[in-house]
Amino acid sequence: MMPFYRQVASTTKLRMLVYNGDTDPDLNSFRAENWTAALGFKPTQPWRPWTVDGCLRMGGYVTRYEEQRFDFLTIRGSGHMVPEFKPAQAFEFLRAWLADEDYKPYVKGCKQPNL
């Protein structure tokens, strides 16, 4: 699969998203993160938390590569079926990705979400 992702990144303007639940026993998130890093893309946003509400409600972690055309995203506390286990987080990351928006960051000291 690596050659496919590299080809898509180098020959198209398509955006790509690889995601998984961080408690998925089938697809370990550490292996997935190492796999995406091994693609050789330059990170534009290093590994950072993302939230559902722009404040406290943790969604997971994200790394963005190649001017935000390739994202690797984890969903905290989710298993293999992310929409089943974490529907709010699944909705929010898909909404942001489809709208080509940044994933809402964690803001230290935030008391009220940006809804």
Foldseek 3Di string as FASTA:
>chain_A
DLVVVLCCVVPHQAAEEAEFACPAPVDHLVVVVVVVVVSVFAWPAAWAWFALFLEPHTQFIKTAGDVRRYIYTYGYPDYGPCCVVPVSSVVQVVVCVVVVHDGRHYDPPDDDTDD
